[in-house]
Amino acid sequence: MLQLSVLSQDEIEAIHHATLRILGETGIFLGYAPARRLLAEAGARMTDERVLLPPELVERVLTLPPRQVRLRGRGGTIKVLGGGELHWHNLGGARDVYDHRSGARRPATVQDVRDSTRLLDALPGVTTITPFFTPLDVPGVLMSLAMYRYALPHTTKPLQGPGVQTGAEAEFAIRMAEVLGPPQEYLTLSVSPVSPLTFPDTIVEAMMAIARAGVTFAPLPCPTAGTTAPMSIAGALAQQNAELLASMVIAELVHPGLPVIYCGRLAMMEPRTGFSVWGGVELGLASAATVQLGHFYGLPVNVYGLSTNAHVLDIQNGYERALNAVIPALAGADELSGIGEMEAGVMGSYAQMVCDDEIAASVRRLLRGFSCDADSLAVEVIAAAMSGPRNFLAERHTSLRLRSGELLLTRLAERASWETWEQGERKNMAERAQAQAERILTEHEVPPLSPEQERYLDEIMTGAGQVLAAN
């Protein structure tokens, strides 16, 4: 397999030691009393506002999580992160839907949560699904839970939980996962500390609730270099690493041996607008470095992949997302996110999801490389062809190699002549993807949940609405 290293071993260790200094000398802002007691008992030092984590505590915690993480889908599929295979999942939580056919965008709804999940269920390159859209037609306190509740019935693939922000949200999501089986097998949950190095009470409460339940934990720091992290990539990586390891310390002290996915979402500020840059090649570099850091700790790693700042399916969109997927993939990422993402995560598109399925196939083909054994070198095949027609079309070697995937056969990308294209439908890749998405949404069916399961989910949502509204 092809491999890329953006950091040397010395540089990885330098970031690790900088991280230990940040945690031990600067510390994290954390005021939640139960967590402060837990950390103090483990050897952390308390100040009025901050908690200082000694290096020996951090390094001891790093030995606790398992090296692999398993997630089951209700169809029986088991995804293993850390087993050497590259997995893909979609963007989670987009606010808006881009319609390629009209060129307009609109707010996402519950129906978009259902439809996007069903479309992703049908795409072969998507190995895990995250609830794609944040539905704006439900009360604000229920948005995160609605994402999970209305995704559950529409896929049999492994389904990750939404990002949660309170202990109550985490507990309701865990109860929903019980309709499938043990939540520890069917659910992962993400929580994002606030950069820089800030852990609000509700966030820490959520981390501890996830850990108590034994559900796979995916700490998800999202610093932006230049605003909420240093402008240098190395400094921002050290801070991101500190936020991630601090989250791990809290969770592992609650539940030693808790499965953890090492996640990083480092982006950079665009100084001319103040927006977060998801399309620059620096994101790919930061993601690849994040992969190397997570593997340094022996953990499976999930990072940005298919990402762009573009608003439409254009050249900028294509080159940004392809670059930012290839770089961390070559670094050995266990899972890449971003299928369907547009506008730095604010927006998503059904046509983009289908395009990305094909891009993901190309990245997988790249990682396979090619063999140089006797059959591949084809000395005898060349000799036979030169003794006959002097081309290789009729050679059995050609058909066998095509069947084995030596050449990736695309479904959307144009590879015919101008004349053939002109005489046909004259569609580009985005237009073909839009048509494919519409066809899938018309034809693809997912085995439904039972009426009892649906009723149980509705009861949880009703209870969650009452509890969360009261808080």
Protein backbone atom coordinates (compact mmCIF):
# COMPACT_ATOMS: atom_id res chain seq x y z
CA MET A 1 0.00 0.00 0.00
CA LEU A 2 1.19 3.52 -0.79
CA GLN A 3 2.17 5.57 2.27
CA LEU A 4 2.78 9.24 3.03
CA SER A 5 4.40 10.81 6.12
CA VAL A 6 4.08 14.55 6.65
CA LEU A 7 5.79 14.33 10.07
CA SER A 8 9.05 12.64 10.98
CA GLN A 9 9.20 10.52 14.13
CA ASP A 10 11.11 13.35 15.86
CA GLU A 11 8.38 15.82 14.89
CA ILE A 12 5.64 13.54 16.19
CA GLU A 13 7.43 13.24 19.50
CA ALA A 14 7.99 17.02 19.60
CA ILE A 15 4.22 17.59 19.24
CA HIS A 16 3.57 14.97 21.92
CA HIS A 17 5.97 16.65 24.37
CA ALA A 18 4.50 20.08 23.57
CA THR A 19 1.07 18.61 24.31
CA LEU A 20 2.23 17.31 27.69
CA ARG A 21 3.60 20.77 28.52
CA ILE A 22 0.32 22.43 27.52
CA LEU A 23 -1.71 20.06 29.70
CA GLY A 24 0.73 20.13 32.62
CA GLU A 25 1.69 23.82 32.65
CA THR A 26 -1.29 25.68 31.11
CA GLY A 27 -4.00 23.12 31.76
CA ILE A 28 -7.64 23.13 30.74
CA PHE A 29 -10.53 25.34 31.83
CA LEU A 30 -12.87 22.95 33.66
CA GLY A 31 -15.25 23.80 36.47
CA TYR A 32 -17.56 20.76 36.65
CA ALA A 33 -17.22 19.60 40.26
CA PRO A 34 -17.63 15.81 39.73
CA ALA A 35 -14.93 15.85 37.05
CA ARG A 36 -12.60 18.03 39.12
CA ARG A 37 -12.88 15.55 42.02
CA LEU A 38 -12.22 12.62 39.70
CA LEU A 39 -9.17 14.30 38.18
CA ALA A 40 -7.82 15.42 41.55
CA GLU A 41 -8.00 11.87 42.87
CA ALA A 42 -6.00 10.75 39.80
CA GLY A 43 -3.21 13.24 40.51
CA ALA A 44 -4.28 16.38 38.61
CA ARG A 45 -3.51 19.77 40.18
CA MET A 46 -6.34 22.25 40.69
CA THR A 47 -6.31 26.04 40.38
CA ASP A 48 -9.32 28.34 40.68
CA GLU A 49 -10.31 27.93 37.01
CA ARG A 50 -7.99 25.37 35.50
CA VAL A 51 -7.02 21.74 35.90
CA LEU A 52 -3.37 20.83 35.26
CA LEU A 53 -2.86 17.27 34.02
CA PRO A 54 0.56 15.77 34.88
CA PRO A 55 2.41 13.91 32.09
CA GLU A 56 2.38 10.62 33.97
CA LEU A 57 -1.44 10.71 34.23
CA VAL A 58 -1.85 11.43 30.51
CA GLU A 59 0.59 8.74 29.45
CA ARG A 60 -0.97 6.18 31.77
CA VAL A 61 -4.42 6.87 30.28
CA LEU A 62 -3.04 6.41 26.77
CA THR A 63 -2.37 2.75 27.56
CA LEU A 64 -6.03 2.02 28.43
CA PRO A 65 -8.16 2.15 25.24
CA PRO A 66 -8.28 -0.85 22.89
CA ARG A 67 -6.34 -0.63 19.64
CA GLN A 68 -9.42 -1.35 17.53
CA VAL A 69 -13.02 -0.14 17.58
CA ARG A 70 -15.97 -2.19 16.30
CA LEU A 71 -19.36 -0.80 15.29
CA ARG A 72 -22.30 -2.96 14.20
CA GLY A 73 -25.11 -2.11 11.79
CA ARG A 74 -28.61 -3.50 12.21
CA GLY A 75 -28.10 -5.42 8.96
CA GLY A 76 -25.29 -7.37 10.59
CA THR A 77 -22.35 -5.49 9.04
CA ILE A 78 -19.46 -4.93 11.45
CA LYS A 79 -17.03 -2.11 10.81
CA VAL A 80 -13.58 -2.43 12.41
CA LEU A 81 -11.49 0.71 12.79
CA GLY A 82 -7.80 0.05 13.31
CA GLY A 83 -7.71 -3.09 11.19
CA GLY A 84 -5.87 -1.55 8.26
CA GLU A 85 -8.90 -0.80 6.09
CA LEU A 86 -9.98 2.72 5.07
CA HIS A 87 -13.60 3.51 5.94
CA TRP A 88 -15.74 6.44 4.81
CA HIS A 89 -18.65 8.31 6.31
CA ASN A 90 -20.56 11.43 5.43
CA LEU A 91 -20.60 14.93 6.82
CA GLY A 92 -22.81 15.22 9.89
CA GLY A 93 -25.13 18.03 10.87
CA ALA A 94 -25.32 20.23 7.76
CA ARG A 95 -27.83 23.05 8.11
CA ASP A 96 -28.72 23.59 4.45
CA VAL A 97 -29.48 21.48 1.38
CA TYR A 98 -28.05 22.45 -2.01
CA ASP A 99 -30.21 21.40 -4.96
CA HIS A 100 -27.95 20.99 -7.99
CA ARG A 101 -30.92 20.90 -10.38
CA SER A 102 -32.19 24.37 -9.38
CA GLY A 103 -28.88 25.83 -8.16
CA ALA A 104 -30.61 27.00 -4.96
CA ARG A 105 -30.24 26.09 -1.31
CA ARG A 106 -32.86 25.65 1.40
CA PRO A 107 -33.03 24.77 5.12
CA ALA A 108 -32.84 21.07 5.94
CA THR A 109 -35.87 19.21 7.29
CA VAL A 110 -36.61 15.89 8.96
CA GLN A 111 -37.44 14.49 5.52
CA ASP A 112 -33.90 15.33 4.42
CA VAL A 113 -32.55 13.33 7.37
CA ARG A 114 -34.58 10.35 6.15
CA ASP A 115 -33.76 10.76 2.46
CA SER A 116 -30.03 11.40 2.92
CA THR A 117 -29.71 8.34 5.15
CA ARG A 118 -31.50 6.15 2.61
CA LEU A 119 -29.33 7.46 -0.23
CA LEU A 120 -26.14 6.85 1.77
CA ASP A 121 -27.41 3.37 2.62
CA ALA A 122 -27.45 2.61 -1.13
CA LEU A 123 -23.96 3.97 -1.95
CA PRO A 124 -21.38 1.15 -1.81
CA GLY A 125 -18.43 3.36 -0.84
CA VAL A 126 -20.11 4.64 2.34
CA THR A 127 -19.22 2.23 5.14
CA THR A 128 -20.68 4.20 8.06
CA ILE A 129 -23.45 6.78 8.20
CA THR A 130 -23.64 9.84 10.41
CA PRO A 131 -27.00 11.68 10.52
CA PHE A 132 -26.37 14.11 7.67
CA PHE A 133 -28.66 17.09 8.17
CA THR A 134 -29.68 19.14 11.19
CA PRO A 135 -33.47 19.41 10.73
CA LEU A 136 -34.72 22.94 11.27
CA ASP A 137 -38.39 21.92 11.45
CA VAL A 138 -38.08 20.51 15.00
CA PRO A 139 -37.60 22.42 18.27
CA GLY A 140 -34.01 23.52 18.81
CA VAL A 141 -33.52 21.38 21.91
CA LEU A 142 -34.41 18.26 19.90
CA MET A 143 -32.30 18.86 16.80
CA SER A 144 -29.44 16.52 17.69
CA LEU A 145 -31.70 13.72 18.86
CA ALA A 146 -34.02 14.13 15.86
CA MET A 147 -31.01 13.56 13.60
CA TYR A 148 -30.44 10.14 15.14
CA ARG A 149 -34.07 9.18 15.61
CA TYR A 150 -35.00 9.80 11.94
CA ALA A 151 -31.81 8.24 10.56
CA LEU A 152 -32.19 4.95 12.49
CA PRO A 153 -35.04 3.47 10.42
CA HIS A 154 -33.43 4.25 7.06
CA THR A 155 -30.17 2.30 7.04
CA THR A 156 -28.89 -1.13 7.91
CA LYS A 157 -25.28 0.09 7.85
CA PRO A 158 -23.39 1.04 11.04
CA LEU A 159 -24.87 4.36 12.20
CA GLN A 160 -22.88 6.77 14.33
CA GLY A 161 -24.68 8.92 16.85
CA PRO A 162 -24.92 12.69 16.58
CA GLY A 163 -22.64 15.14 18.33
CA VAL A 164 -24.16 15.67 21.77
CA GLN A 165 -23.72 18.62 24.11
CA THR A 166 -25.27 17.50 27.40
CA GLY A 167 -25.44 14.42 29.54
CA ALA A 168 -29.20 14.22 28.98
CA GLU A 169 -28.76 14.23 25.20
CA ALA A 170 -26.19 11.45 25.47
CA GLU A 171 -28.48 9.35 27.66
CA PHE A 172 -31.47 9.75 25.32
CA ALA A 173 -29.34 8.80 22.29
CA ILE A 174 -28.12 5.72 24.16
CA ARG A 175 -31.71 4.73 24.91
CA MET A 176 -32.57 5.06 21.22
CA ALA A 177 -29.70 2.77 20.24
CA GLU A 178 -31.19 0.10 22.50
CA VAL A 179 -33.89 -0.54 19.88
CA LEU A 180 -31.14 -2.25 17.85
CA GLY A 181 -29.29 -4.02 20.66
CA PRO A 182 -26.54 -3.26 23.19
CA PRO A 183 -25.57 0.42 22.64
CA GLN A 184 -21.92 -0.50 23.15
CA GLU A 185 -22.11 -2.44 19.86
CA TYR A 186 -24.32 -0.14 17.81
CA LEU A 187 -23.43 3.39 18.84
CA THR A 188 -20.58 5.88 18.91
CA LEU A 189 -21.01 9.40 20.28
CA SER A 190 -18.98 12.55 19.70
CA VAL A 191 -18.46 15.50 22.01
CA SER A 192 -16.55 18.66 21.11
CA PRO A 193 -14.62 20.61 23.74
CA VAL A 194 -14.55 24.35 23.11
CA SER A 195 -11.27 25.56 21.66
CA PRO A 196 -9.01 26.74 23.12
CA LEU A 197 -8.82 24.20 25.96
CA THR A 198 -12.25 24.91 27.46
CA PHE A 199 -14.53 22.22 28.90
CA PRO A 200 -17.97 23.62 29.84
CA ASP A 201 -19.98 21.77 32.47
CA THR A 202 -22.53 20.36 30.00
CA ILE A 203 -19.80 19.05 27.70
CA VAL A 204 -17.97 17.27 30.52
CA GLU A 205 -21.27 15.89 31.81
CA ALA A 206 -21.88 14.41 28.32
CA MET A 207 -18.39 12.87 28.20
CA MET A 208 -18.91 11.21 31.57
CA ALA A 209 -22.38 9.92 30.60
CA ILE A 210 -20.96 8.31 27.45
CA ALA A 211 -18.15 6.71 29.43
CA ARG A 212 -20.48 5.35 32.11
CA ALA A 213 -22.54 3.66 29.39
CA GLY A 214 -19.44 2.09 27.83
CA VAL A 215 -20.28 3.57 24.41
CA THR A 216 -17.41 4.22 22.00
CA PHE A 217 -16.25 7.81 22.54
CA ALA A 218 -15.10 10.06 19.69
CA PRO A 219 -13.75 13.32 21.17
CA LEU A 220 -14.02 15.89 18.41
CA PRO A 221 -11.99 19.08 18.94
CA CYS A 222 -12.57 21.58 16.13
CA PRO A 223 -9.94 24.33 16.51
CA THR A 224 -9.40 26.95 13.81
CA ALA A 225 -5.81 28.07 13.39
CA GLY A 226 -5.63 31.85 13.70
CA THR A 227 -8.79 32.29 15.81
CA THR A 228 -9.20 29.48 18.36
CA ALA A 229 -5.71 27.97 17.95
CA PRO A 230 -2.22 29.20 16.97
CA MET A 231 -1.81 30.11 13.29
CA SER A 232 1.08 27.64 12.92
CA ILE A 233 -0.08 24.16 11.92
CA ALA A 234 2.29 22.54 14.43
CA GLY A 235 1.04 24.72 17.30
CA ALA A 236 -2.60 24.15 16.36
CA LEU A 237 -1.96 20.39 16.20
CA ALA A 238 -0.40 20.45 19.67
CA GLN A 239 -3.44 22.29 21.05
CA GLN A 240 -5.88 19.98 19.25
CA ASN A 241 -3.97 17.01 20.64
CA ALA A 242 -4.16 18.49 24.14
CA GLU A 243 -7.93 18.95 23.85
CA LEU A 244 -8.32 15.41 22.60
CA LEU A 245 -6.10 13.78 25.23
CA ALA A 246 -7.78 15.76 28.03
CA SER A 247 -11.14 14.45 26.82
CA MET A 248 -9.71 10.92 26.87
CA VAL A 249 -8.40 11.35 30.41
CA ILE A 250 -11.86 12.30 31.66
CA ALA A 251 -13.59 9.41 29.87
CA GLU A 252 -11.00 6.76 30.73
CA LEU A 253 -11.01 7.68 34.42
CA VAL A 254 -14.77 7.06 34.42
CA HIS A 255 -14.49 3.83 32.39
CA PRO A 256 -10.95 2.42 32.05
CA GLY A 257 -10.59 0.64 28.73
CA LEU A 258 -13.36 2.62 27.03
CA PRO A 259 -13.06 2.37 23.20
CA VAL A 260 -11.89 5.70 21.77
CA ILE A 261 -11.64 7.01 18.21
CA TYR A 262 -8.93 9.65 17.83
CA CYS A 263 -10.64 12.45 15.88
CA GLY A 264 -9.35 15.80 14.69
CA ARG A 265 -11.07 18.60 12.80
CA LEU A 266 -8.35 21.25 12.55
CA ALA A 267 -9.00 23.96 9.95
CA MET A 268 -7.46 27.37 9.32
CA MET A 269 -8.83 30.90 9.23
CA GLU A 270 -9.17 32.69 5.91
CA PRO A 271 -7.80 36.13 6.92
CA ARG A 272 -9.69 37.98 4.17
CA THR A 273 -13.10 36.80 5.39
CA GLY A 274 -12.64 35.25 8.83
CA PHE A 275 -14.28 32.05 7.60
CA SER A 276 -12.92 28.58 8.28
CA VAL A 277 -10.92 27.12 5.38
CA TRP A 278 -12.03 23.55 4.68
CA GLY A 279 -10.81 23.47 1.10
CA GLY A 280 -7.17 24.50 1.41
CA VAL A 281 -4.46 21.89 1.08
CA GLU A 282 -3.38 22.84 4.63
CA LEU A 283 -6.44 20.93 5.88
CA GLY A 284 -5.15 17.81 4.15
CA LEU A 285 -1.72 18.30 5.74
CA ALA A 286 -3.24 18.80 9.19
CA SER A 287 -5.44 15.74 8.76
CA ALA A 288 -2.48 13.59 7.71
CA ALA A 289 -0.49 14.79 10.71
CA THR A 290 -3.48 14.00 12.94
CA VAL A 291 -3.48 10.45 11.53
CA GLN A 292 0.20 10.06 12.42
CA LEU A 293 -0.35 11.38 15.95
CA GLY A 294 -3.30 9.07 16.60
CA HIS A 295 -1.34 6.07 15.31
CA PHE A 296 1.58 7.12 17.51
CA TYR A 297 -0.78 6.44 20.42
CA GLY A 298 -2.02 3.19 18.87
CA LEU A 299 -5.55 4.50 18.30
CA PRO A 300 -7.84 4.33 15.25
CA VAL A 301 -8.11 7.76 13.61
CA ASN A 302 -10.99 9.63 11.97
CA VAL A 303 -10.25 12.94 10.19
CA TYR A 304 -11.57 15.31 7.55
CA GLY A 305 -11.53 13.88 4.03
CA LEU A 306 -13.83 15.12 1.30
CA SER A 307 -14.07 18.81 2.16
CA THR A 308 -14.47 22.11 0.36
CA ASN A 309 -15.49 25.73 0.77
CA ALA A 310 -17.26 25.67 -2.62
CA HIS A 311 -20.96 26.51 -2.90
CA VAL A 312 -21.63 24.52 -6.10
CA LEU A 313 -20.37 21.36 -7.79
CA ASP A 314 -17.60 23.06 -9.75
CA ILE A 315 -13.85 22.73 -10.41
CA GLN A 316 -12.93 24.25 -7.04
CA ASN A 317 -15.16 21.74 -5.29
CA GLY A 318 -13.60 18.79 -7.13
CA TYR A 319 -9.93 19.61 -6.67
CA GLU A 320 -10.28 20.69 -3.03
CA ARG A 321 -12.10 17.57 -1.87
CA ALA A 322 -9.91 15.19 -3.89
CA LEU A 323 -6.68 16.70 -2.49
CA ASN A 324 -7.94 16.70 1.07
CA ALA A 325 -9.07 13.08 0.83
CA VAL A 326 -5.93 11.71 -0.82
CA ILE A 327 -3.42 13.22 1.63
CA PRO A 328 -4.79 11.69 4.88
CA ALA A 329 -5.71 8.49 3.05
CA LEU A 330 -2.07 8.06 2.04
CA ALA A 331 -1.08 8.78 5.64
CA GLY A 332 -3.06 5.69 6.70
CA ALA A 333 -6.34 7.15 8.02
CA ASP A 334 -8.73 4.56 9.42
CA GLU A 335 -11.78 6.64 8.51
CA LEU A 336 -12.39 9.75 6.43
CA SER A 337 -15.42 11.99 6.77
CA GLY A 338 -17.07 14.47 4.46
CA ILE A 339 -19.10 12.57 1.87
CA GLY A 340 -21.70 15.07 0.61
CA GLU A 341 -20.13 18.10 2.34
CA MET A 342 -20.16 21.62 0.85
CA GLU A 343 -19.52 25.20 2.08
CA ALA A 344 -17.24 24.19 4.96
CA GLY A 345 -19.82 21.87 6.48
CA VAL A 346 -22.73 24.32 6.43
CA MET A 347 -24.40 22.71 3.42
CA GLY A 348 -24.78 19.32 1.78
CA SER A 349 -26.08 17.94 -1.49
CA TYR A 350 -27.58 14.67 -2.69
CA ALA A 351 -25.67 14.95 -5.98
CA GLN A 352 -22.46 15.58 -4.02
CA MET A 353 -22.99 12.37 -2.05
CA VAL A 354 -23.14 10.35 -5.27
CA CYS A 355 -20.09 12.13 -6.73
CA ASP A 356 -18.15 11.47 -3.53
CA ASP A 357 -18.96 7.78 -3.67
CA GLU A 358 -17.06 7.69 -6.96
CA ILE A 359 -14.20 9.84 -5.62
CA ALA A 360 -13.89 7.47 -2.65
CA ALA A 361 -13.61 4.54 -5.06
CA SER A 362 -10.74 6.33 -6.83
CA VAL A 363 -8.95 6.93 -3.52
CA ARG A 364 -9.31 3.26 -2.61
CA ARG A 365 -7.88 2.35 -6.02
CA LEU A 366 -4.94 4.68 -5.43
CA LEU A 367 -4.18 3.04 -2.08
CA ARG A 368 -4.05 -0.41 -3.70
CA GLY A 369 -1.19 0.63 -5.93
CA PHE A 370 -0.17 -2.10 -8.37
CA SER A 371 1.74 -5.37 -8.26
CA CYS A 372 5.06 -6.17 -9.93
CA ASP A 373 4.99 -9.97 -9.89
CA ALA A 374 5.74 -12.16 -12.90
CA ASP A 375 2.18 -12.11 -14.19
CA SER A 376 1.98 -8.32 -13.87
CA LEU A 377 5.28 -7.76 -15.65
CA ALA A 378 3.79 -9.69 -18.58
CA VAL A 379 7.03 -10.56 -20.41
CA GLU A 380 5.46 -13.57 -22.15
CA VAL A 381 2.30 -11.60 -22.97
CA ILE A 382 4.38 -8.91 -24.67
CA ALA A 383 6.26 -11.57 -26.65
CA ALA A 384 3.01 -13.22 -27.77
CA ALA A 385 1.46 -9.93 -28.87
CA MET A 386 4.57 -8.93 -30.83
CA SER A 387 4.47 -12.28 -32.68
CA GLY A 388 0.89 -11.68 -33.73
CA PRO A 389 -1.40 -8.65 -34.08
CA ARG A 390 0.90 -6.27 -32.12
CA ASN A 391 -1.88 -5.18 -29.78
CA PHE A 392 -3.21 -6.60 -26.56
CA LEU A 393 -6.98 -6.43 -27.03
CA ALA A 394 -7.32 -10.15 -27.77
CA GLU A 395 -4.95 -11.27 -25.02
CA ARG A 396 -6.58 -13.17 -22.13
CA HIS A 397 -4.24 -11.26 -19.81
CA THR A 398 -6.09 -8.04 -20.75
CA SER A 399 -9.55 -9.33 -19.82
CA LEU A 400 -8.28 -10.91 -16.60
CA ARG A 401 -6.60 -7.69 -15.54
CA LEU A 402 -9.71 -5.67 -16.28
CA ARG A 403 -11.79 -8.05 -14.18
CA SER A 404 -9.29 -7.78 -11.32
CA GLY A 405 -9.69 -3.99 -11.16
CA GLU A 406 -6.40 -2.87 -12.67
CA LEU A 407 -8.43 -0.04 -14.21
CA LEU A 408 -11.19 1.54 -12.14
CA LEU A 409 -14.31 1.79 -14.32
CA THR A 410 -16.19 4.94 -13.38
CA ARG A 411 -19.95 5.42 -13.61
CA LEU A 412 -20.18 9.22 -13.58
CA ALA A 413 -16.94 10.63 -15.00
CA GLU A 414 -16.86 11.30 -18.77
CA ARG A 415 -14.45 9.09 -20.73
CA ALA A 416 -15.91 9.03 -24.23
CA SER A 417 -15.20 11.23 -27.25
CA TRP A 418 -16.77 14.64 -27.90
CA GLU A 419 -18.88 13.15 -30.69
CA THR A 420 -20.27 10.39 -28.45
CA TRP A 421 -20.98 12.87 -25.66
CA GLU A 422 -22.60 15.35 -28.07
CA GLN A 423 -24.88 12.69 -29.54
CA GLY A 424 -25.93 11.48 -26.10
CA GLU A 425 -27.48 13.31 -23.15
CA ARG A 426 -24.66 15.90 -22.96
CA LYS A 427 -24.58 15.62 -19.15
CA ASN A 428 -21.59 16.41 -16.96
CA MET A 429 -20.62 14.46 -13.85
CA ALA A 430 -22.72 16.58 -11.48
CA GLU A 431 -25.81 16.20 -13.67
CA ARG A 432 -25.34 12.45 -13.84
CA ALA A 433 -24.93 12.36 -10.05
CA GLN A 434 -28.14 14.34 -9.55
CA ALA A 435 -30.04 11.92 -11.79
CA GLN A 436 -28.51 8.94 -9.98
CA ALA A 437 -29.48 10.36 -6.58
CA GLU A 438 -33.06 10.87 -7.75
CA ARG A 439 -33.21 7.33 -9.14
CA ILE A 440 -31.89 5.82 -5.90
CA LEU A 441 -34.36 7.78 -3.77
CA THR A 442 -37.18 6.50 -5.99
CA GLU A 443 -36.07 2.85 -5.99
CA HIS A 444 -33.98 2.03 -2.89
CA GLU A 445 -35.87 0.47 0.00
CA VAL A 446 -34.53 -0.18 3.50
CA PRO A 447 -36.08 -2.86 5.74
CA PRO A 448 -38.19 -0.91 8.24
CA LEU A 449 -38.01 -1.03 11.99
CA SER A 450 -40.83 -2.85 13.72
CA PRO A 451 -43.89 -0.86 14.90
CA GLU A 452 -42.76 -1.49 18.48
CA GLN A 453 -39.34 -0.01 17.76
CA GLU A 454 -40.87 3.04 16.10
CA ARG A 455 -43.23 3.52 19.02
CA TYR A 456 -40.35 3.27 21.51
CA LEU A 457 -38.35 5.90 19.59
CA ASP A 458 -41.34 8.25 19.56
CA GLU A 459 -41.76 7.82 23.32
CA ILE A 460 -38.10 8.68 23.86
CA MET A 461 -38.42 11.81 21.71
CA THR A 462 -41.50 12.91 23.66
CA GLY A 463 -39.69 12.42 26.96
CA ALA A 464 -36.60 14.15 25.66
CA GLY A 465 -38.65 17.15 24.55
CA GLN A 466 -40.07 17.55 28.04
CA VAL A 467 -36.75 17.13 29.86
CA LEU A 468 -34.61 19.24 27.55
CA ALA A 469 -37.17 22.04 27.30
CA ALA A 470 -37.32 22.19 31.09
CA ASN A 471 -33.54 22.58 31.27
